[in-house]
């Protein structure tokens, strides 16, 4: 099975920084990650994509976080990071790690972490 473990959320003041981590592991089959990313969902809002990165290093960011957030990865450890700087109250949400990977012979993009709360106060 595939497991995603997230960490790094917390409470921070506006303008502060947090660094999220997500480590993926698998057992019982081959596991080759194609893309890793972060989604977030605020109360009363739809879940939205924040950032993603491929195993080759190509990145994408939501317009709302460009210039403030940086996604990176350690392919050897199947780990993705999200460095969040200049945080704003509107960044407050539960952040979910997402992975698209070949597990066994199948590609799936519905591997999710449990979510980590990020709260930014004014």
N, C-alpha and C. Protein backbone atom coordinates (compact mmCIF):
# COMPACT_ATOMS: atom_id res chain seq x y z
N UNK A 1 0.83 -1.17 0.00
CA UNK A 1 0.00 0.00 0.00
C UNK A 1 0.88 1.25 0.00
N UNK A 2 0.26 2.37 -0.35
CA UNK A 2 0.94 3.65 -0.43
C UNK A 2 0.52 4.50 0.76
N UNK A 3 1.48 5.15 1.38
CA UNK A 3 1.21 6.00 2.52
C UNK A 3 1.91 7.34 2.34
N UNK A 4 1.19 8.43 2.61
CA UNK A 4 1.74 9.77 2.56
C UNK A 4 1.65 10.38 3.95
N UNK A 5 2.77 10.84 4.47
CA UNK A 5 2.83 11.42 5.81
C UNK A 5 3.24 12.88 5.69
N UNK A 6 2.37 13.78 6.16
CA UNK A 6 2.59 15.21 6.08
C UNK A 6 3.00 15.77 7.43
N UNK A 7 3.75 16.86 7.40
CA UNK A 7 4.14 17.55 8.61
C UNK A 7 4.46 19.00 8.28
N UNK A 8 4.54 19.83 9.31
CA UNK A 8 4.99 21.20 9.15
C UNK A 8 3.94 22.27 9.30
N UNK A 9 2.67 21.89 9.41
CA UNK A 9 1.64 22.89 9.59
C UNK A 9 1.70 23.52 10.96
N UNK A 10 0.94 24.59 11.13
CA UNK A 10 0.91 25.26 12.41
C UNK A 10 0.28 26.62 12.32
N UNK A 11 0.47 27.38 13.39
CA UNK A 11 -0.05 28.74 13.50
C UNK A 11 1.08 29.73 13.33
N UNK A 12 0.88 30.70 12.46
CA UNK A 12 1.90 31.70 12.19
C UNK A 12 1.23 33.05 11.96
N UNK A 13 1.93 34.11 12.28
CA UNK A 13 1.41 35.45 12.04
C UNK A 13 1.56 35.84 10.58
N UNK A 14 0.74 36.76 10.15
CA UNK A 14 0.84 37.28 8.80
C UNK A 14 2.26 37.76 8.52
N UNK A 15 2.78 37.37 7.36
CA UNK A 15 4.15 37.70 6.99
C UNK A 15 5.16 36.65 7.36
N UNK A 16 4.76 35.66 8.14
CA UNK A 16 5.65 34.62 8.57
C UNK A 16 5.82 33.52 7.55
N UNK A 17 6.53 32.47 7.95
CA UNK A 17 6.86 31.38 7.05
C UNK A 17 6.60 30.03 7.70
N UNK A 18 6.30 29.06 6.86
CA UNK A 18 6.18 27.67 7.27
C UNK A 18 6.74 26.80 6.15
N UNK A 19 7.20 25.61 6.51
CA UNK A 19 7.68 24.65 5.54
C UNK A 19 6.97 23.33 5.74
N UNK A 20 6.21 22.91 4.75
CA UNK A 20 5.50 21.65 4.79
C UNK A 20 6.33 20.56 4.14
N UNK A 21 6.20 19.35 4.67
CA UNK A 21 6.87 18.19 4.13
C UNK A 21 5.87 17.07 3.92
N UNK A 22 6.11 16.26 2.92
CA UNK A 22 5.29 15.10 2.65
C UNK A 22 6.18 13.98 2.15
N UNK A 23 6.21 12.89 2.88
CA UNK A 23 7.01 11.74 2.52
C UNK A 23 6.10 10.59 2.09
N UNK A 24 6.35 10.06 0.92
CA UNK A 24 5.57 8.95 0.38
C UNK A 24 6.34 7.65 0.51
N UNK A 25 5.64 6.60 0.86
CA UNK A 25 6.24 5.28 0.94
C UNK A 25 5.26 4.25 0.41
N UNK A 26 5.81 3.13 -0.01
CA UNK A 26 4.98 2.07 -0.57
C UNK A 26 5.59 0.72 -0.26
N UNK A 27 4.74 -0.26 -0.19
CA UNK A 27 5.19 -1.63 0.04
C UNK A 27 4.38 -2.56 -0.84
N UNK A 28 4.96 -3.69 -1.15
CA UNK A 28 4.26 -4.72 -1.88
C UNK A 28 4.28 -4.60 -3.39
N UNK A 29 4.87 -3.54 -3.91
CA UNK A 29 4.90 -3.33 -5.35
C UNK A 29 5.94 -2.28 -5.70
N UNK A 30 6.22 -2.14 -6.99
CA UNK A 30 7.08 -1.06 -7.44
C UNK A 30 6.31 0.25 -7.28
N UNK A 31 7.05 1.33 -7.09
CA UNK A 31 6.45 2.63 -6.82
C UNK A 31 7.33 3.70 -7.45
N UNK A 32 6.84 4.31 -8.51
CA UNK A 32 7.58 5.36 -9.21
C UNK A 32 6.73 6.62 -9.29
N UNK A 33 7.13 7.64 -8.56
CA UNK A 33 6.38 8.88 -8.51
C UNK A 33 6.61 9.70 -9.77
N UNK A 34 5.52 10.17 -10.35
CA UNK A 34 5.58 11.01 -11.53
C UNK A 34 5.45 12.49 -11.15
N UNK A 35 4.51 12.78 -10.26
CA UNK A 35 4.27 14.15 -9.85
C UNK A 35 3.84 14.16 -8.39
N UNK A 36 4.28 15.18 -7.67
CA UNK A 36 3.86 15.41 -6.30
C UNK A 36 3.39 16.86 -6.19
N UNK A 37 2.40 17.08 -5.36
CA UNK A 37 1.90 18.44 -5.23
C UNK A 37 1.13 18.66 -3.96
N UNK A 38 0.66 19.89 -3.83
CA UNK A 38 -0.10 20.32 -2.66
C UNK A 38 -1.41 20.94 -3.08
N UNK A 39 -2.47 20.55 -2.39
CA UNK A 39 -3.78 21.18 -2.49
C UNK A 39 -4.13 21.79 -1.15
N UNK A 40 -5.10 22.69 -1.15
CA UNK A 40 -5.58 23.23 0.11
C UNK A 40 -7.07 23.45 0.04
N UNK A 41 -7.70 23.42 1.19
CA UNK A 41 -9.12 23.66 1.28
C UNK A 41 -9.42 24.49 2.52
N UNK A 42 -9.98 25.66 2.29
CA UNK A 42 -10.39 26.55 3.37
C UNK A 42 -11.85 26.31 3.68
N UNK A 43 -12.29 26.65 4.89
CA UNK A 43 -13.71 26.47 5.24
C UNK A 43 -14.62 27.19 4.26
N UNK A 44 -15.61 26.47 3.77
CA UNK A 44 -16.56 27.04 2.83
C UNK A 44 -16.06 27.19 1.41
N UNK A 45 -14.85 26.72 1.14
CA UNK A 45 -14.27 26.85 -0.19
C UNK A 45 -14.00 25.47 -0.80
N UNK A 46 -13.88 25.45 -2.12
CA UNK A 46 -13.51 24.23 -2.80
C UNK A 46 -12.02 23.96 -2.65
N UNK A 47 -11.66 22.69 -2.73
CA UNK A 47 -10.25 22.34 -2.70
C UNK A 47 -9.58 22.84 -3.98
N UNK A 48 -8.40 23.43 -3.83
CA UNK A 48 -7.71 24.00 -4.96
C UNK A 48 -6.26 23.53 -4.99
N UNK A 49 -5.73 23.45 -6.20
CA UNK A 49 -4.33 23.11 -6.37
C UNK A 49 -3.47 24.32 -6.02
N UNK A 50 -2.40 24.07 -5.25
CA UNK A 50 -1.49 25.12 -4.83
C UNK A 50 -0.20 25.09 -5.65
N UNK A 51 0.42 23.92 -5.73
CA UNK A 51 1.68 23.78 -6.43
C UNK A 51 1.92 22.32 -6.74
N UNK A 52 2.70 22.06 -7.77
CA UNK A 52 3.06 20.70 -8.12
C UNK A 52 4.45 20.67 -8.70
N UNK A 53 5.07 19.50 -8.65
CA UNK A 53 6.40 19.33 -9.20
C UNK A 53 6.53 17.91 -9.74
N UNK A 54 7.09 17.78 -10.93
CA UNK A 54 7.32 16.47 -11.51
C UNK A 54 8.65 15.91 -11.04
N UNK A 55 8.85 14.64 -11.30
CA UNK A 55 10.12 14.02 -10.94
C UNK A 55 11.29 14.65 -11.68
N UNK A 56 11.02 15.27 -12.83
CA UNK A 56 12.05 15.97 -13.58
C UNK A 56 12.29 17.39 -13.14
N UNK A 57 11.47 17.90 -12.21
CA UNK A 57 11.70 19.22 -11.66
C UNK A 57 10.82 20.33 -12.21
N UNK A 58 9.91 20.03 -13.12
CA UNK A 58 9.01 21.05 -13.63
C UNK A 58 7.98 21.42 -12.58
N UNK A 59 7.73 22.71 -12.41
CA UNK A 59 6.84 23.19 -11.36
C UNK A 59 5.68 23.99 -11.92
N UNK A 60 4.59 24.00 -11.17
CA UNK A 60 3.43 24.82 -11.46
C UNK A 60 2.92 25.39 -10.14
N UNK A 61 2.43 26.63 -10.19
CA UNK A 61 1.91 27.29 -9.01
C UNK A 61 0.59 27.96 -9.32
N UNK A 62 -0.27 27.97 -8.32
CA UNK A 62 -1.46 28.79 -8.41
C UNK A 62 -1.07 30.26 -8.42
N UNK A 63 -1.82 31.08 -9.15
CA UNK A 63 -1.50 32.50 -9.23
C UNK A 63 -1.45 33.15 -7.85
N UNK A 64 -2.28 32.68 -6.94
CA UNK A 64 -2.37 33.30 -5.63
C UNK A 64 -1.13 33.11 -4.78
N UNK A 65 -0.26 32.16 -5.13
CA UNK A 65 0.92 31.89 -4.31
C UNK A 65 2.23 32.14 -5.05
N UNK A 66 2.17 32.50 -6.31
CA UNK A 66 3.39 32.75 -7.07
C UNK A 66 4.21 33.86 -6.43
N UNK A 67 5.50 33.62 -6.33
CA UNK A 67 6.40 34.58 -5.72
C UNK A 67 6.51 34.46 -4.22
N UNK A 68 5.64 33.67 -3.60
CA UNK A 68 5.66 33.50 -2.15
C UNK A 68 5.96 32.06 -1.74
N UNK A 69 5.46 31.09 -2.50
CA UNK A 69 5.64 29.68 -2.18
C UNK A 69 6.64 29.06 -3.15
N UNK A 70 7.39 28.10 -2.66
CA UNK A 70 8.33 27.35 -3.48
C UNK A 70 8.18 25.86 -3.19
N UNK A 71 7.96 25.09 -4.24
CA UNK A 71 7.86 23.65 -4.10
C UNK A 71 9.18 23.02 -4.53
N UNK A 72 9.59 22.00 -3.82
CA UNK A 72 10.81 21.28 -4.15
C UNK A 72 10.63 19.82 -3.77
N UNK A 73 11.59 19.01 -4.16
CA UNK A 73 11.46 17.58 -3.87
C UNK A 73 12.82 16.94 -3.69
N UNK A 74 12.82 15.82 -3.02
CA UNK A 74 13.97 14.94 -2.89
C UNK A 74 13.52 13.61 -3.47
N UNK A 75 13.88 13.37 -4.72
CA UNK A 75 13.40 12.18 -5.40
C UNK A 75 13.89 10.89 -4.73
N UNK A 76 15.10 10.92 -4.20
CA UNK A 76 15.65 9.73 -3.57
C UNK A 76 14.84 9.32 -2.35
N UNK A 77 14.24 10.29 -1.67
CA UNK A 77 13.46 10.01 -0.47
C UNK A 77 11.95 10.08 -0.71
N UNK A 78 11.54 10.26 -1.97
CA UNK A 78 10.11 10.38 -2.30
C UNK A 78 9.42 11.42 -1.41
N UNK A 79 10.06 12.56 -1.28
CA UNK A 79 9.57 13.61 -0.39
C UNK A 79 9.41 14.91 -1.16
N UNK A 80 8.33 15.61 -0.86
CA UNK A 80 8.07 16.92 -1.45
C UNK A 80 7.95 17.94 -0.33
N UNK A 81 8.41 19.16 -0.60
CA UNK A 81 8.38 20.24 0.37
C UNK A 81 7.63 21.43 -0.21
N UNK A 82 7.04 22.20 0.66
CA UNK A 82 6.42 23.46 0.26
C UNK A 82 6.88 24.54 1.23
N UNK A 83 7.78 25.40 0.75
CA UNK A 83 8.24 26.54 1.53
C UNK A 83 7.28 27.69 1.31
N UNK A 84 6.64 28.14 2.38
CA UNK A 84 5.63 29.17 2.30
C UNK A 84 6.14 30.41 3.03
N UNK A 85 6.38 31.47 2.27
CA UNK A 85 6.84 32.73 2.82
C UNK A 85 5.78 33.80 2.64
N UNK A 86 5.93 34.88 3.38
CA UNK A 86 5.01 36.01 3.29
C UNK A 86 3.56 35.55 3.40
N UNK A 87 3.30 34.72 4.38
CA UNK A 87 1.97 34.14 4.52
C UNK A 87 0.93 35.20 4.83
N UNK A 88 -0.26 34.98 4.30
CA UNK A 88 -1.39 35.86 4.47
C UNK A 88 -2.54 35.12 5.12
N UNK A 89 -3.45 35.82 5.78
CA UNK A 89 -4.61 35.14 6.38
C UNK A 89 -5.39 34.30 5.37
N UNK A 90 -5.45 34.73 4.13
CA UNK A 90 -6.17 33.96 3.12
C UNK A 90 -5.50 32.66 2.75
N UNK A 91 -4.27 32.43 3.23
CA UNK A 91 -3.61 31.15 3.05
C UNK A 91 -4.08 30.11 4.06
N UNK A 92 -4.86 30.53 5.03
CA UNK A 92 -5.35 29.61 6.05
C UNK A 92 -6.20 28.52 5.40
N UNK A 93 -5.83 27.27 5.64
CA UNK A 93 -6.52 26.14 5.04
C UNK A 93 -5.91 24.85 5.57
N UNK A 94 -6.56 23.76 5.27
CA UNK A 94 -5.96 22.45 5.44
C UNK A 94 -5.22 22.13 4.14
N UNK A 95 -3.95 21.80 4.27
CA UNK A 95 -3.12 21.51 3.11
C UNK A 95 -2.94 20.00 2.98
N UNK A 96 -3.18 19.51 1.77
CA UNK A 96 -3.12 18.08 1.48
C UNK A 96 -2.03 17.78 0.46
N UNK A 97 -1.22 16.81 0.76
CA UNK A 97 -0.24 16.32 -0.18
C UNK A 97 -0.92 15.37 -1.17
N UNK A 98 -0.55 15.47 -2.42
CA UNK A 98 -1.11 14.62 -3.47
C UNK A 98 0.01 14.05 -4.32
N UNK A 99 -0.13 12.78 -4.68
CA UNK A 99 0.88 12.10 -5.48
C UNK A 99 0.24 11.40 -6.66
N UNK A 100 0.86 11.55 -7.82
CA UNK A 100 0.55 10.73 -8.98
C UNK A 100 1.72 9.81 -9.22
N UNK A 101 1.45 8.52 -9.28
CA UNK A 101 2.55 7.56 -9.33
C UNK A 101 2.13 6.29 -10.05
N UNK A 102 3.13 5.59 -10.55
CA UNK A 102 2.94 4.24 -11.03
C UNK A 102 3.18 3.31 -9.86
N UNK A 103 2.15 2.59 -9.47
CA UNK A 103 2.24 1.62 -8.39
C UNK A 103 1.90 0.26 -9.00
N UNK A 104 2.88 -0.62 -9.00
CA UNK A 104 2.72 -1.83 -9.78
C UNK A 104 2.76 -1.48 -11.26
N UNK A 105 1.69 -1.80 -11.96
CA UNK A 105 1.58 -1.49 -13.39
C UNK A 105 0.59 -0.38 -13.68
N UNK A 106 0.04 0.25 -12.65
CA UNK A 106 -1.03 1.22 -12.83
C UNK A 106 -0.60 2.61 -12.40
N UNK A 107 -0.98 3.61 -13.19
CA UNK A 107 -0.81 5.00 -12.80
C UNK A 107 -2.06 5.47 -12.07
N UNK A 108 -1.86 6.08 -10.92
CA UNK A 108 -2.95 6.65 -10.15
C UNK A 108 -2.54 8.02 -9.64
N UNK A 109 -3.48 8.94 -9.58
CA UNK A 109 -3.21 10.28 -9.07
C UNK A 109 -4.07 10.63 -7.87
N UNK A 110 -4.60 9.62 -7.20
CA UNK A 110 -5.50 9.83 -6.08
C UNK A 110 -4.90 9.38 -4.75
N UNK A 111 -3.59 9.48 -4.63
CA UNK A 111 -2.95 9.24 -3.35
C UNK A 111 -2.92 10.55 -2.58
N UNK A 112 -3.45 10.53 -1.35
CA UNK A 112 -3.59 11.74 -0.56
C UNK A 112 -3.04 11.58 0.84
N UNK A 113 -2.45 12.64 1.34
CA UNK A 113 -2.09 12.68 2.74
C UNK A 113 -3.30 13.00 3.60
N UNK A 114 -3.10 12.97 4.91
CA UNK A 114 -4.21 13.17 5.85
C UNK A 114 -4.58 14.64 6.02
N UNK A 115 -3.74 15.54 5.56
CA UNK A 115 -3.98 16.96 5.71
C UNK A 115 -3.27 17.54 6.91
N UNK A 116 -2.76 18.75 6.76
CA UNK A 116 -2.13 19.47 7.86
C UNK A 116 -2.66 20.90 7.88
N UNK A 117 -3.02 21.36 9.06
CA UNK A 117 -3.66 22.67 9.21
C UNK A 117 -2.62 23.78 9.20
N UNK A 118 -2.86 24.78 8.36
CA UNK A 118 -2.07 26.00 8.34
C UNK A 118 -2.99 27.15 8.69
N UNK A 119 -2.66 27.87 9.75
CA UNK A 119 -3.47 29.00 10.18
C UNK A 119 -2.59 30.24 10.24
N UNK A 120 -3.01 31.28 9.55
CA UNK A 120 -2.27 32.54 9.49
C UNK A 120 -3.12 33.62 10.13
N UNK A 121 -2.64 34.20 11.20
CA UNK A 121 -3.37 35.23 11.92
C UNK A 121 -2.97 36.61 11.46
N UNK A 122 -3.88 37.56 11.63
CA UNK A 122 -3.61 38.94 11.25
C UNK A 122 -2.74 39.63 12.28
